[in-house]
PDB file of N, CA and C in Angstrom:
ATOM      1  N   UNK A   1       3.734  -7.773 -12.106  1.00  0.00           N
ATOM      2  CA  UNK A   1       4.147  -6.498 -11.538  1.00  0.00           C
ATOM      3  C   UNK A   1       5.664  -6.502 -11.396  1.00  0.00           C
ATOM      4  N   UNK A   2       6.261  -5.378 -11.696  1.00  0.00           N
ATOM      5  CA  UNK A   2       7.705  -5.234 -11.565  1.00  0.00           C
ATOM      6  C   UNK A   2       8.129  -5.264 -10.105  1.00  0.00           C
ATOM      7  N   UNK A   3       9.304  -5.799  -9.857  1.00  0.00           N
ATOM      8  CA  UNK A   3       9.898  -5.671  -8.537  1.00  0.00           C
ATOM      9  C   UNK A   3      10.713  -4.389  -8.548  1.00  0.00           C
ATOM     10  N   UNK A   4      10.506  -3.577  -7.553  1.00  0.00           N
ATOM     11  CA  UNK A   4      11.173  -2.283  -7.490  1.00  0.00           C
ATOM     12  C   UNK A   4      12.238  -2.305  -6.399  1.00  0.00           C
ATOM     13  N   UNK A   5      13.340  -1.573  -6.608  1.00  0.00           N
ATOM     14  CA  UNK A   5      14.373  -1.546  -5.577  1.00  0.00           C
ATOM     15  C   UNK A   5      14.007  -0.529  -4.493  1.00  0.00           C
ATOM     16  N   UNK A   6      14.676  -0.655  -3.352  1.00  0.00           N
ATOM     17  CA  UNK A   6      14.350   0.176  -2.190  1.00  0.00           C
ATOM     18  C   UNK A   6      14.507   1.668  -2.461  1.00  0.00           C
ATOM     19  N   UNK A   7      15.495   2.046  -3.255  1.00  0.00           N
ATOM     20  CA  UNK A   7      15.693   3.471  -3.550  1.00  0.00           C
ATOM     21  C   UNK A   7      14.515   4.027  -4.349  1.00  0.00           C
ATOM     22  N   UNK A   8      14.001   3.245  -5.279  1.00  0.00           N
ATOM     23  CA  UNK A   8      12.844   3.682  -6.057  1.00  0.00           C
ATOM     24  C   UNK A   8      11.625   3.839  -5.138  1.00  0.00           C
ATOM     25  N   UNK A   9      11.404   2.867  -4.262  1.00  0.00           N
ATOM     26  CA  UNK A   9      10.266   2.913  -3.340  1.00  0.00           C
ATOM     27  C   UNK A   9      10.402   4.115  -2.407  1.00  0.00           C
ATOM     28  N   UNK A  10      11.589   4.336  -1.894  1.00  0.00           N
ATOM     29  CA  UNK A  10      11.826   5.485  -1.015  1.00  0.00           C
ATOM     30  C   UNK A  10      11.527   6.792  -1.750  1.00  0.00           C
ATOM     31  N   UNK A  11      11.966   6.906  -3.001  1.00  0.00           N
ATOM     32  CA  UNK A  11      11.723   8.132  -3.767  1.00  0.00           C
ATOM     33  C   UNK A  11      10.226   8.330  -4.011  1.00  0.00           C
ATOM     34  N   UNK A  12       9.484   7.248  -4.258  1.00  0.00           N
ATOM     35  CA  UNK A  12       8.029   7.345  -4.413  1.00  0.00           C
ATOM     36  C   UNK A  12       7.382   7.900  -3.142  1.00  0.00           C
ATOM     37  N   UNK A  13       7.740   7.316  -2.011  1.00  0.00           N
ATOM     38  CA  UNK A  13       7.173   7.750  -0.731  1.00  0.00           C
ATOM     39  C   UNK A  13       7.476   9.230  -0.504  1.00  0.00           C
ATOM     40  N   UNK A  14       8.721   9.631  -0.725  1.00  0.00           N
ATOM     41  CA  UNK A  14       9.103  11.025  -0.495  1.00  0.00           C
ATOM     42  C   UNK A  14       8.373  11.981  -1.437  1.00  0.00           C
ATOM     43  N   UNK A  15       8.073  11.547  -2.649  1.00  0.00           N
ATOM     44  CA  UNK A  15       7.281  12.379  -3.562  1.00  0.00           C
ATOM     45  C   UNK A  15       5.820  12.441  -3.109  1.00  0.00           C
ATOM     46  N   UNK A  16       5.265  11.311  -2.694  1.00  0.00           N
ATOM     47  CA  UNK A  16       3.859  11.276  -2.295  1.00  0.00           C
ATOM     48  C   UNK A  16       3.593  12.128  -1.053  1.00  0.00           C
ATOM     49  N   UNK A  17       4.527  12.163  -0.113  1.00  0.00           N
ATOM     50  CA  UNK A  17       4.271  12.946   1.104  1.00  0.00           C
ATOM     51  C   UNK A  17       4.320  14.447   0.821  1.00  0.00           C
ATOM     52  N   UNK A  18       4.818  14.851  -0.344  1.00  0.00           N
ATOM     53  CA  UNK A  18       4.805  16.268  -0.731  1.00  0.00           C
ATOM     54  C   UNK A  18       3.441  16.710  -1.246  1.00  0.00           C
ATOM     55  N   UNK A  19       2.579  15.747  -1.605  1.00  0.00           N
ATOM     56  CA  UNK A  19       1.241  16.090  -2.089  1.00  0.00           C
ATOM     57  C   UNK A  19       0.459  16.787  -0.969  1.00  0.00           C
ATOM     58  N   UNK A  20      -0.419  17.723  -1.311  1.00  0.00           N
ATOM     59  CA  UNK A  20      -1.154  18.451  -0.269  1.00  0.00           C
ATOM     60  C   UNK A  20      -2.160  17.587   0.490  1.00  0.00           C
ATOM     61  N   UNK A  21      -2.680  16.549  -0.159  1.00  0.00           N
ATOM     62  CA  UNK A  21      -3.701  15.688   0.453  1.00  0.00           C
ATOM     63  C   UNK A  21      -3.587  14.268  -0.085  1.00  0.00           C
ATOM     64  N   UNK A  22      -4.249  13.344   0.629  1.00  0.00           N
ATOM     65  CA  UNK A  22      -4.439  12.024   0.060  1.00  0.00           C
ATOM     66  C   UNK A  22      -5.299  12.199  -1.195  1.00  0.00           C
ATOM     67  N   UNK A  23      -5.284  11.196  -2.061  1.00  0.00           N
ATOM     68  CA  UNK A  23      -6.067  11.269  -3.293  1.00  0.00           C
ATOM     69  C   UNK A  23      -6.950  10.034  -3.390  1.00  0.00           C
ATOM     70  N   UNK A  24      -7.675   9.922  -4.492  1.00  0.00           N
ATOM     71  CA  UNK A  24      -8.497   8.733  -4.720  1.00  0.00           C
ATOM     72  C   UNK A  24      -7.640   7.497  -4.911  1.00  0.00           C
ATOM     73  N   UNK A  25      -6.369   7.677  -5.244  1.00  0.00           N
ATOM     74  CA  UNK A  25      -5.470   6.551  -5.530  1.00  0.00           C
ATOM     75  C   UNK A  25      -4.292   6.456  -4.555  1.00  0.00           C
ATOM     76  N   UNK A  26      -4.334   7.243  -3.464  1.00  0.00           N
ATOM     77  CA  UNK A  26      -3.246   7.253  -2.477  1.00  0.00           C
ATOM     78  C   UNK A  26      -3.808   7.437  -1.081  1.00  0.00           C
ATOM     79  N   UNK A  27      -3.467   6.503  -0.182  1.00  0.00           N
ATOM     80  CA  UNK A  27      -3.896   6.569   1.215  1.00  0.00           C
ATOM     81  C   UNK A  27      -2.682   6.451   2.119  1.00  0.00           C
ATOM     82  N   UNK A  28      -2.669   7.226   3.202  1.00  0.00           N
ATOM     83  CA  UNK A  28      -1.643   7.112   4.235  1.00  0.00           C
ATOM     84  C   UNK A  28      -2.274   6.466   5.468  1.00  0.00           C
ATOM     85  N   UNK A  29      -1.545   5.556   6.088  1.00  0.00           N
ATOM     86  CA  UNK A  29      -2.014   4.865   7.289  1.00  0.00           C
ATOM     87  C   UNK A  29      -0.888   4.839   8.309  1.00  0.00           C
ATOM     88  N   UNK A  30      -1.237   4.596   9.566  1.00  0.00           N
ATOM     89  CA  UNK A  30      -0.203   4.443  10.577  1.00  0.00           C
ATOM     90  C   UNK A  30       0.007   2.970  10.889  1.00  0.00           C
ATOM     91  N   UNK A  31      -0.924   2.356  11.580  1.00  0.00           N
ATOM     92  CA  UNK A  31      -0.726   0.966  12.002  1.00  0.00           C
ATOM     93  C   UNK A  31      -1.891   0.050  11.662  1.00  0.00           C
ATOM     94  N   UNK A  32      -2.863   0.503  10.895  1.00  0.00           N
ATOM     95  CA  UNK A  32      -4.026  -0.316  10.589  1.00  0.00           C
ATOM     96  C   UNK A  32      -3.595  -1.578   9.848  1.00  0.00           C
ATOM     97  N   UNK A  33      -3.769  -2.716  10.491  1.00  0.00           N
ATOM     98  CA  UNK A  33      -3.365  -3.972   9.863  1.00  0.00           C
ATOM     99  C   UNK A  33      -4.499  -4.983   9.795  1.00  0.00           C
ATOM    100  N   UNK A  34      -5.743  -4.503   9.807  1.00  0.00           N
ATOM    101  CA  UNK A  34      -6.897  -5.384   9.703  1.00  0.00           C
ATOM    102  C   UNK A  34      -6.946  -5.980   8.293  1.00  0.00           C
ATOM    103  N   UNK A  35      -6.835  -7.308   8.168  1.00  0.00           N
ATOM    104  CA  UNK A  35      -6.790  -7.938   6.840  1.00  0.00           C
ATOM    105  C   UNK A  35      -8.005  -7.619   5.968  1.00  0.00           C
ATOM    106  N   UNK A  36      -9.199  -7.569   6.560  1.00  0.00           N
ATOM    107  CA  UNK A  36     -10.396  -7.263   5.777  1.00  0.00           C
ATOM    108  C   UNK A  36     -10.337  -5.853   5.202  1.00  0.00           C
ATOM    109  N   UNK A  37      -9.883  -4.893   6.021  1.00  0.00           N
ATOM    110  CA  UNK A  37      -9.759  -3.520   5.530  1.00  0.00           C
ATOM    111  C   UNK A  37      -8.695  -3.415   4.444  1.00  0.00           C
ATOM    112  N   UNK A  38      -7.599  -4.127   4.603  1.00  0.00           N
ATOM    113  CA  UNK A  38      -6.543  -4.105   3.581  1.00  0.00           C
ATOM    114  C   UNK A  38      -7.103  -4.640   2.268  1.00  0.00           C
ATOM    115  N   UNK A  39      -7.870  -5.707   2.325  1.00  0.00           N
ATOM    116  CA  UNK A  39      -8.509  -6.246   1.124  1.00  0.00           C
ATOM    117  C   UNK A  39      -9.446  -5.226   0.489  1.00  0.00           C
ATOM    118  N   UNK A  40     -10.203  -4.499   1.324  1.00  0.00           N
ATOM    119  CA  UNK A  40     -11.093  -3.462   0.801  1.00  0.00           C
ATOM    120  C   UNK A  40     -10.295  -2.329   0.152  1.00  0.00           C
ATOM    121  N   UNK A  41      -9.186  -1.931   0.794  1.00  0.00           N
ATOM    122  CA  UNK A  41      -8.323  -0.886   0.210  1.00  0.00           C
ATOM    123  C   UNK A  41      -7.821  -1.327  -1.163  1.00  0.00           C
ATOM    124  N   UNK A  42      -7.356  -2.552  -1.253  1.00  0.00           N
ATOM    125  CA  UNK A  42      -6.808  -3.042  -2.522  1.00  0.00           C
ATOM    126  C   UNK A  42      -7.861  -2.954  -3.621  1.00  0.00           C
ATOM    127  N   UNK A  43      -9.044  -3.438  -3.344  1.00  0.00           N
ATOM    128  CA  UNK A  43     -10.115  -3.435  -4.345  1.00  0.00           C
ATOM    129  C   UNK A  43     -10.528  -2.010  -4.710  1.00  0.00           C
ATOM    130  N   UNK A  44     -10.799  -1.180  -3.710  1.00  0.00           N
ATOM    131  CA  UNK A  44     -11.273   0.181  -3.970  1.00  0.00           C
ATOM    132  C   UNK A  44     -10.215   1.032  -4.670  1.00  0.00           C
ATOM    133  N   UNK A  45      -8.975   0.931  -4.217  1.00  0.00           N
ATOM    134  CA  UNK A  45      -7.924   1.767  -4.809  1.00  0.00           C
ATOM    135  C   UNK A  45      -7.567   1.312  -6.221  1.00  0.00           C
ATOM    136  N   UNK A  46      -7.668   0.029  -6.498  1.00  0.00           N
ATOM    137  CA  UNK A  46      -7.436  -0.466  -7.853  1.00  0.00           C
ATOM    138  C   UNK A  46      -8.460   0.151  -8.807  1.00  0.00           C
ATOM    139  N   UNK A  47      -9.713   0.183  -8.382  1.00  0.00           N
ATOM    140  CA  UNK A  47     -10.766   0.797  -9.188  1.00  0.00           C
ATOM    141  C   UNK A  47     -10.565   2.309  -9.312  1.00  0.00           C
ATOM    142  N   UNK A  48     -10.178   2.963  -8.212  1.00  0.00           N
ATOM    143  CA  UNK A  48      -9.950   4.410  -8.244  1.00  0.00           C
ATOM    144  C   UNK A  48      -8.797   4.775  -9.167  1.00  0.00           C
ATOM    145  N   UNK A  49      -7.758   3.966  -9.181  1.00  0.00           N
ATOM    146  CA  UNK A  49      -6.638   4.224 -10.094  1.00  0.00           C
ATOM    147  C   UNK A  49      -7.132   4.179 -11.541  1.00  0.00           C
ATOM    148  N   UNK A  50      -7.967   3.207 -11.856  1.00  0.00           N
ATOM    149  CA  UNK A  50      -8.508   3.101 -13.219  1.00  0.00           C
ATOM    150  C   UNK A  50      -9.348   4.325 -13.569  1.00  0.00           C
ATOM    151  N   UNK A  51     -10.201   4.747 -12.654  1.00  0.00           N
ATOM    152  CA  UNK A  51     -11.061   5.900 -12.903  1.00  0.00           C
ATOM    153  C   UNK A  51     -10.267   7.199 -13.061  1.00  0.00           C
ATOM    154  N   UNK A  52      -9.076   7.256 -12.447  1.00  0.00           N
ATOM    155  CA  UNK A  52      -8.236   8.459 -12.500  1.00  0.00           C
ATOM    156  C   UNK A  52      -7.078   8.324 -13.487  1.00  0.00           C
ATOM    157  N   UNK A  53      -7.149   7.294 -14.338  1.00  0.00           N
ATOM    158  CA  UNK A  53      -6.113   7.062 -15.358  1.00  0.00           C
ATOM    159  C   UNK A  53      -4.704   6.954 -14.773  1.00  0.00           C
ATOM    160  N   UNK A  54      -4.597   6.286 -13.633  1.00  0.00           N
ATOM    161  CA  UNK A  54      -3.305   6.028 -12.998  1.00  0.00           C
ATOM    162  C   UNK A  54      -2.967   4.548 -13.185  1.00  0.00           C
ATOM    163  N   UNK A  55      -1.705   4.234 -13.457  1.00  0.00           N
ATOM    164  CA  UNK A  55      -1.344   2.826 -13.624  1.00  0.00           C
ATOM    165  C   UNK A  55      -1.389   2.035 -12.317  1.00  0.00           C
ATOM    166  N   UNK A  56      -1.199   2.736 -11.192  1.00  0.00           N
ATOM    167  CA  UNK A  56      -1.160   2.091  -9.882  1.00  0.00           C
ATOM    168  C   UNK A  56      -1.816   2.977  -8.838  1.00  0.00           C
ATOM    169  N   UNK A  57      -2.191   2.344  -7.732  1.00  0.00           N
ATOM    170  CA  UNK A  57      -2.659   3.050  -6.541  1.00  0.00           C
ATOM    171  C   UNK A  57      -1.753   2.616  -5.394  1.00  0.00           C
ATOM    172  N   UNK A  58      -1.797   3.364  -4.279  1.00  0.00           N
ATOM    173  CA  UNK A  58      -0.860   3.102  -3.195  1.00  0.00           C
ATOM    174  C   UNK A  58      -1.509   3.293  -1.838  1.00  0.00           C
ATOM    175  N   UNK A  59      -1.094   2.448  -0.888  1.00  0.00           N
ATOM    176  CA  UNK A  59      -1.345   2.664   0.528  1.00  0.00           C
ATOM    177  C   UNK A  59       0.037   2.687   1.160  1.00  0.00           C
ATOM    178  N   UNK A  60       0.281   3.695   1.985  1.00  0.00           N
ATOM    179  CA  UNK A  60       1.580   3.800   2.652  1.00  0.00           C
ATOM    180  C   UNK A  60       1.350   3.847   4.152  1.00  0.00           C
ATOM    181  N   UNK A  61       1.904   2.871   4.862  1.00  0.00           N
ATOM    182  CA  UNK A  61       1.854   2.831   6.316  1.00  0.00           C
ATOM    183  C   UNK A  61       3.098   3.521   6.857  1.00  0.00           C
ATOM    184  N   UNK A  62       2.899   4.255   7.958  1.00  0.00           N
ATOM    185  CA  UNK A  62       4.018   4.932   8.601  1.00  0.00           C
ATOM    186  C   UNK A  62       4.058   6.417   8.297  1.00  0.00           C
ATOM    187  N   UNK A  63       2.960   6.936   7.702  1.00  0.00           N
ATOM    188  CA  UNK A  63       2.853   8.348   7.358  1.00  0.00           C
ATOM    189  C   UNK A  63       1.609   8.908   8.038  1.00  0.00           C
ATOM    190  N   UNK A  64       1.750  10.030   8.728  1.00  0.00           N
ATOM    191  CA  UNK A  64       0.596  10.682   9.332  1.00  0.00           C
ATOM    192  C   UNK A  64      -0.279  11.246   8.217  1.00  0.00           C
ATOM    193  N   UNK A  65      -1.563  10.884   8.205  1.00  0.00           N
ATOM    194  CA  UNK A  65      -2.410  11.281   7.077  1.00  0.00           C
ATOM    195  C   UNK A  65      -2.765  12.767   7.067  1.00  0.00           C
ATOM    196  N   UNK A  66      -2.573  13.462   8.175  1.00  0.00           N
ATOM    197  CA  UNK A  66      -2.858  14.903   8.216  1.00  0.00           C
ATOM    198  C   UNK A  66      -1.620  15.732   7.857  1.00  0.00           C
ATOM    199  N   UNK A  67      -0.481  15.421   8.505  1.00  0.00           N
ATOM    200  CA  UNK A  67       0.737  16.232   8.319  1.00  0.00           C
ATOM    201  C   UNK A  67       1.674  15.661   7.261  1.00  0.00           C
ATOM    202  N   UNK A  68       1.482  14.402   6.908  1.00  0.00           N
ATOM    203  CA  UNK A  68       2.349  13.658   5.977  1.00  0.00           C
ATOM    204  C   UNK A  68       3.752  13.464   6.536  1.00  0.00           C
ATOM    205  N   UNK A  69       3.876  13.577   7.841  1.00  0.00           N
ATOM    206  CA  UNK A  69       5.147  13.326   8.517  1.00  0.00           C
ATOM    207  C   UNK A  69       5.421  11.821   8.550  1.00  0.00           C
ATOM    208  N   UNK A  70       6.686  11.454   8.396  1.00  0.00           N
ATOM    209  CA  UNK A  70       7.090  10.049   8.492  1.00  0.00           C
ATOM    210  C   UNK A  70       7.148   9.702   9.976  1.00  0.00           C
ATOM    211  N   UNK A  71       6.242   8.829  10.411  1.00  0.00           N
ATOM    212  CA  UNK A  71       6.161   8.475  11.824  1.00  0.00           C
ATOM    213  C   UNK A  71       6.502   7.012  12.085  1.00  0.00           C
ATOM    214  N   UNK A  72       6.580   6.212  11.035  1.00  0.00           N
ATOM    215  CA  UNK A  72       6.870   4.793  11.188  1.00  0.00           C
ATOM    216  C   UNK A  72       5.625   4.005  11.528  1.00  0.00           C
ATOM    217  N   UNK A  73       5.730   2.693  11.375  1.00  0.00           N
ATOM    218  CA  UNK A  73       4.607   1.799  11.642  1.00  0.00           C
ATOM    219  C   UNK A  73       5.107   0.505  12.269  1.00  0.00           C
ATOM    220  N   UNK A  74       4.224  -0.133  13.016  1.00  0.00           N
ATOM    221  CA  UNK A  74       4.529  -1.459  13.562  1.00  0.00           C
ATOM    222  C   UNK A  74       4.046  -2.555  12.612  1.00  0.00           C
ATOM    223  N   UNK A  75       3.283  -2.164  11.574  1.00  0.00           N
ATOM    224  CA  UNK A  75       2.752  -3.128  10.613  1.00  0.00           C
ATOM    225  C   UNK A  75       3.886  -3.722   9.784  1.00  0.00           C
ATOM    226  N   UNK A  76       3.955  -5.048   9.751  1.00  0.00           N
ATOM    227  CA  UNK A  76       4.934  -5.768   8.936  1.00  0.00           C
ATOM    228  C   UNK A  76       4.177  -6.839   8.169  1.00  0.00           C
ATOM    229  N   UNK A  77       3.795  -6.563   6.929  1.00  0.00           N
ATOM    230  CA  UNK A  77       2.972  -7.525   6.191  1.00  0.00           C
ATOM    231  C   UNK A  77       3.594  -8.907   6.071  1.00  0.00           C
ATOM    232  N   UNK A  78       4.904  -8.984   6.004  1.00  0.00           N
ATOM    233  CA  UNK A  78       5.562 -10.289   5.877  1.00  0.00           C
ATOM    234  C   UNK A  78       5.400 -11.142   7.133  1.00  0.00           C
ATOM    235  N   UNK A  79       5.051 -10.523   8.247  1.00  0.00           N
ATOM    236  CA  UNK A  79       4.892 -11.245   9.512  1.00  0.00           C
ATOM    237  C   UNK A  79       3.427 -11.457   9.895  1.00  0.00           C
ATOM    238  N   UNK A  80       2.514 -10.816   9.182  1.00  0.00           N
ATOM    239  CA  UNK A  80       1.094 -10.873   9.529  1.00  0.00           C
ATOM    240  C   UNK A  80       0.459 -12.169   9.050  1.00  0.00           C
ATOM    241  N   UNK A  81      -0.490 -12.648   9.846  1.00  0.00           N
ATOM    242  CA  UNK A  81      -1.228 -13.871   9.531  1.00  0.00           C
ATOM    243  C   UNK A  81      -2.721 -13.609   9.620  1.00  0.00           C
ATOM    244  N   UNK A  82      -3.475 -14.356   8.873  1.00  0.00           N
ATOM    245  CA  UNK A  82      -4.927 -14.420   9.012  1.00  0.00           C
ATOM    246  C   UNK A  82      -5.208 -15.882   9.302  1.00  0.00           C
ATOM    247  N   UNK A  83      -5.523 -16.169  10.562  1.00  0.00           N
ATOM    248  CA  UNK A  83      -5.572 -17.571  10.993  1.00  0.00           C
ATOM    249  C   UNK A  83      -4.161 -18.116  10.930  1.00  0.00           C
ATOM    250  N   UNK A  84      -3.982 -19.246  10.260  1.00  0.00           N
ATOM    251  CA  UNK A  84      -2.648 -19.829  10.098  1.00  0.00           C
ATOM    252  C   UNK A  84      -1.999 -19.437   8.773  1.00  0.00           C
ATOM    253  N   UNK A  85      -2.683 -18.603   8.004  1.00  0.00           N
ATOM    254  CA  UNK A  85      -2.235 -18.288   6.658  1.00  0.00           C
ATOM    255  C   UNK A  85      -1.518 -16.933   6.606  1.00  0.00           C
ATOM    256  N   UNK A  86      -0.440 -16.865   5.842  1.00  0.00           N
ATOM    257  CA  UNK A  86       0.272 -15.623   5.595  1.00  0.00           C
ATOM    258  C   UNK A  86      -0.698 -14.601   5.004  1.00  0.00           C
ATOM    259  N   UNK A  87      -0.625 -13.339   5.462  1.00  0.00           N
ATOM    260  CA  UNK A  87      -1.542 -12.293   5.016  1.00  0.00           C
ATOM    261  C   UNK A  87      -1.588 -12.174   3.495  1.00  0.00           C
ATOM    262  N   UNK A  88      -0.430 -12.130   2.850  1.00  0.00           N
ATOM    263  CA  UNK A  88      -0.404 -11.952   1.393  1.00  0.00           C
ATOM    264  C   UNK A  88      -1.091 -13.109   0.678  1.00  0.00           C
ATOM    265  N   UNK A  89      -0.865 -14.333   1.121  1.00  0.00           N
ATOM    266  CA  UNK A  89      -1.528 -15.486   0.511  1.00  0.00           C
ATOM    267  C   UNK A  89      -3.037 -15.435   0.729  1.00  0.00           C
ATOM    268  N   UNK A  90      -3.441 -15.042   1.941  1.00  0.00           N
ATOM    269  CA  UNK A  90      -4.864 -14.942   2.266  1.00  0.00           C
ATOM    270  C   UNK A  90      -5.539 -13.930   1.346  1.00  0.00           C
ATOM    271  N   UNK A  91      -4.905 -12.753   1.171  1.00  0.00           N
ATOM    272  CA  UNK A  91      -5.465 -11.725   0.297  1.00  0.00           C
ATOM    273  C   UNK A  91      -5.542 -12.215  -1.150  1.00  0.00           C
ATOM    274  N   UNK A  92      -4.467 -12.826  -1.632  1.00  0.00           N
ATOM    275  CA  UNK A  92      -4.452 -13.331  -3.014  1.00  0.00           C
ATOM    276  C   UNK A  92      -5.571 -14.339  -3.252  1.00  0.00           C
ATOM    277  N   UNK A  93      -5.800 -15.187  -2.267  1.00  0.00           N
ATOM    278  CA  UNK A  93      -6.808 -16.238  -2.401  1.00  0.00           C
ATOM    279  C   UNK A  93      -8.225 -15.665  -2.406  1.00  0.00           C
ATOM    280  N   UNK A  94      -8.463 -14.633  -1.606  1.00  0.00           N
ATOM    281  CA  UNK A  94      -9.831 -14.156  -1.430  1.00  0.00           C
ATOM    282  C   UNK A  94     -10.235 -12.988  -2.324  1.00  0.00           C
ATOM    283  N   UNK A  95      -9.292 -12.225  -2.828  1.00  0.00           N
ATOM    284  CA  UNK A  95      -9.667 -11.096  -3.685  1.00  0.00           C
ATOM    285  C   UNK A  95     -10.225 -11.603  -5.007  1.00  0.00           C
ATOM    286  N   UNK A  96     -11.414 -11.122  -5.344  1.00  0.00           N
ATOM    287  CA  UNK A  96     -12.067 -11.529  -6.578  1.00  0.00           C
ATOM    288  C   UNK A  96     -12.712 -10.309  -7.203  1.00  0.00           C
ATOM    289  N   UNK A  97     -12.392  -9.910  -8.390  1.00  0.00           N
ATOM    290  CA  UNK A  97     -11.426 -10.559  -9.275  1.00  0.00           C
ATOM    291  C   UNK A  97     -10.006 -10.379  -8.751  1.00  0.00           C
ATOM    292  N   UNK A  98      -9.115 -11.169  -9.284  1.00  0.00           N
ATOM    293  CA  UNK A  98      -7.716 -11.114  -8.854  1.00  0.00           C
ATOM    294  C   UNK A  98      -7.131  -9.743  -9.159  1.00  0.00           C
ATOM    295  N   UNK A  99      -6.385  -9.216  -8.215  1.00  0.00           N
ATOM    296  CA  UNK A  99      -5.748  -7.905  -8.353  1.00  0.00           C
ATOM    297  C   UNK A  99      -4.267  -8.084  -8.063  1.00  0.00           C
ATOM    298  N   UNK A 100      -3.436  -7.540  -8.932  1.00  0.00           N
ATOM    299  CA  UNK A 100      -1.993  -7.618  -8.737  1.00  0.00           C
ATOM    300  C   UNK A 100      -1.561  -6.508  -7.779  1.00  0.00           C
ATOM    301  N   UNK A 101      -0.815  -6.859  -6.758  1.00  0.00           N
ATOM    302  CA  UNK A 101      -0.326  -5.888  -5.784  1.00  0.00           C
ATOM    303  C   UNK A 101       0.974  -6.402  -5.191  1.00  0.00           C
ATOM    304  N   UNK A 102       1.676  -5.514  -4.503  1.00  0.00           N
ATOM    305  CA  UNK A 102       2.918  -5.920  -3.846  1.00  0.00           C
ATOM    306  C   UNK A 102       3.204  -5.001  -2.664  1.00  0.00           C
ATOM    307  N   UNK A 103       3.610  -5.610  -1.548  1.00  0.00           N
ATOM    308  CA  UNK A 103       4.055  -4.867  -0.369  1.00  0.00           C
ATOM    309  C   UNK A 103       5.567  -4.661  -0.446  1.00  0.00           C
ATOM    310  N   UNK A 104       6.008  -3.476  -0.070  1.00  0.00           N
ATOM    311  CA  UNK A 104       7.440  -3.171   0.049  1.00  0.00           C
ATOM    312  C   UNK A 104       7.681  -2.659   1.465  1.00  0.00           C
ATOM    313  N   UNK A 105       8.656  -3.245   2.149  1.00  0.00           N
ATOM    314  CA  UNK A 105       9.020  -2.822   3.497  1.00  0.00           C
ATOM    315  C   UNK A 105      10.367  -2.117   3.415  1.00  0.00           C
ATOM    316  N   UNK A 106      10.384  -0.827   3.786  1.00  0.00           N
ATOM    317  CA  UNK A 106      11.620  -0.057   3.721  1.00  0.00           C
ATOM    318  C   UNK A 106      11.794   0.752   5.007  1.00  0.00           C
ATOM    319  N   UNK A 107      12.961   1.348   5.137  1.00  0.00           N
ATOM    320  CA  UNK A 107      13.247   2.233   6.258  1.00  0.00           C
ATOM    321  C   UNK A 107      13.547   3.620   5.705  1.00  0.00           C
ATOM    322  N   UNK A 108      12.878   4.623   6.270  1.00  0.00           N
ATOM    323  CA  UNK A 108      13.141   6.017   5.926  1.00  0.00           C
ATOM    324  C   UNK A 108      13.324   6.759   7.245  1.00  0.00           C
ATOM    325  N   UNK A 109      14.432   7.469   7.362  1.00  0.00           N
ATOM    326  CA  UNK A 109      14.746   8.188   8.601  1.00  0.00           C
ATOM    327  C   UNK A 109      14.712   7.236   9.798  1.00  0.00           C
ATOM    328  N   UNK A 110      15.223   6.025   9.599  1.00  0.00           N
ATOM    329  CA  UNK A 110      15.256   4.979  10.631  1.00  0.00           C
ATOM    330  C   UNK A 110      13.867   4.589  11.135  1.00  0.00           C
ATOM    331  N   UNK A 111      12.855   4.782  10.299  1.00  0.00           N
ATOM    332  CA  UNK A 111      11.483   4.404  10.659  1.00  0.00           C
ATOM    333  C   UNK A 111      10.965   3.412   9.633  1.00  0.00           C
ATOM    334  N   UNK A 112      10.209   2.423  10.120  1.00  0.00           N
ATOM    335  CA  UNK A 112       9.626   1.404   9.255  1.00  0.00           C
ATOM    336  C   UNK A 112       8.464   2.013   8.456  1.00  0.00           C
ATOM    337  N   UNK A 113       8.551   1.886   7.133  1.00  0.00           N
ATOM    338  CA  UNK A 113       7.510   2.379   6.233  1.00  0.00           C
ATOM    339  C   UNK A 113       7.147   1.239   5.285  1.00  0.00           C
ATOM    340  N   UNK A 114       5.863   1.053   5.063  1.00  0.00           N
ATOM    341  CA  UNK A 114       5.368   0.017   4.160  1.00  0.00           C
ATOM    342  C   UNK A 114       4.637   0.687   3.008  1.00  0.00           C
ATOM    343  N   UNK A 115       4.999   0.326   1.794  1.00  0.00           N
ATOM    344  CA  UNK A 115       4.278   0.807   0.620  1.00  0.00           C
ATOM    345  C   UNK A 115       3.589  -0.388  -0.022  1.00  0.00           C
ATOM    346  N   UNK A 116       2.297  -0.255  -0.229  1.00  0.00           N
ATOM    347  CA  UNK A 116       1.515  -1.250  -0.948  1.00  0.00           C
ATOM    348  C   UNK A 116       1.206  -0.665  -2.312  1.00  0.00           C
ATOM    349  N   UNK A 117       1.743  -1.290  -3.361  1.00  0.00           N
ATOM    350  CA  UNK A 117       1.500  -0.849  -4.718  1.00  0.00           C
ATOM    351  C   UNK A 117       0.451  -1.765  -5.334  1.00  0.00           C
ATOM    352  N   UNK A 118      -0.614  -1.164  -5.864  1.00  0.00           N
ATOM    353  CA  UNK A 118      -1.776  -1.899  -6.378  1.00  0.00           C
ATOM    354  C   UNK A 118      -1.951  -1.543  -7.849  1.00  0.00           C
ATOM    355  N   UNK A 119      -2.027  -2.540  -8.704  1.00  0.00           N
ATOM    356  CA  UNK A 119      -2.209  -2.297 -10.129  1.00  0.00           C
ATOM    357  C   UNK A 119      -3.635  -1.832 -10.400  1.00  0.00           C
ATOM    358  N   UNK A 120      -3.762  -0.858 -11.275  1.00  0.00           N
ATOM    359  CA  UNK A 120      -5.044  -0.316 -11.684  1.00  0.00           C
ATOM    360  C   UNK A 120      -5.963  -1.425 -12.217  1.00  0.00           C
ATOM    361  N   UNK A 121      -7.253  -1.290 -11.947  1.00  0.00           N
ATOM    362  CA  UNK A 121      -8.221  -2.290 -12.397  1.00  0.00           C
ATOM    363  C   UNK A 121      -8.242  -2.450 -13.916  1.00  0.00           C
ATOM    364  N   UNK A 122      -7.919  -1.392 -14.646  1.00  0.00           N
ATOM    365  CA  UNK A 122      -7.932  -1.530 -16.095  1.00  0.00           C
ATOM    366  C   UNK A 122      -6.672  -2.179 -16.644  1.00  0.00           C
ATOM    367  N   UNK A 123      -5.738  -2.528 -15.775  1.00  0.00           N
ATOM    368  CA  UNK A 123      -4.494  -3.206 -16.184  1.00  0.00           C
ATOM    369  C   UNK A 123      -4.508  -4.696 -15.849  1.00  0.00           C
ATOM    370  N   UNK A 124      -5.620  -5.186 -15.270  1.00  0.00           N
ATOM    371  CA  UNK A 124      -5.701  -6.599 -14.855  1.00  0.00           C
ATOM    372  C   UNK A 124      -5.704  -7.514 -16.044  1.00  0.00           C
TER     373      UNK A 124
END
């Protein structure tokens, strides 16, 4: 997966919040940081991206899912643990089949926003 710069990630988020609704390949969250749910999102959205002919799917924390307002989040994937293990390592180890994904932590309007980019299942 490509590493994207913060300006690109910010532009993606700003485009996605203009959409009228969440989609099969895009979810907005506020602070949900349950590792099991994140793993389920990764798997389900990867499959949904494939079914909708999208190269990637996304989960964005810090966006109100009804109004699409940027509200910020307390979720920081780089700081999260599952037991003694870093969240990202835990997810990589347990997701089967392996799915390529990446968390991006950025600031928009002085609010913490997290974008999770998930590669489509047909690109694995």
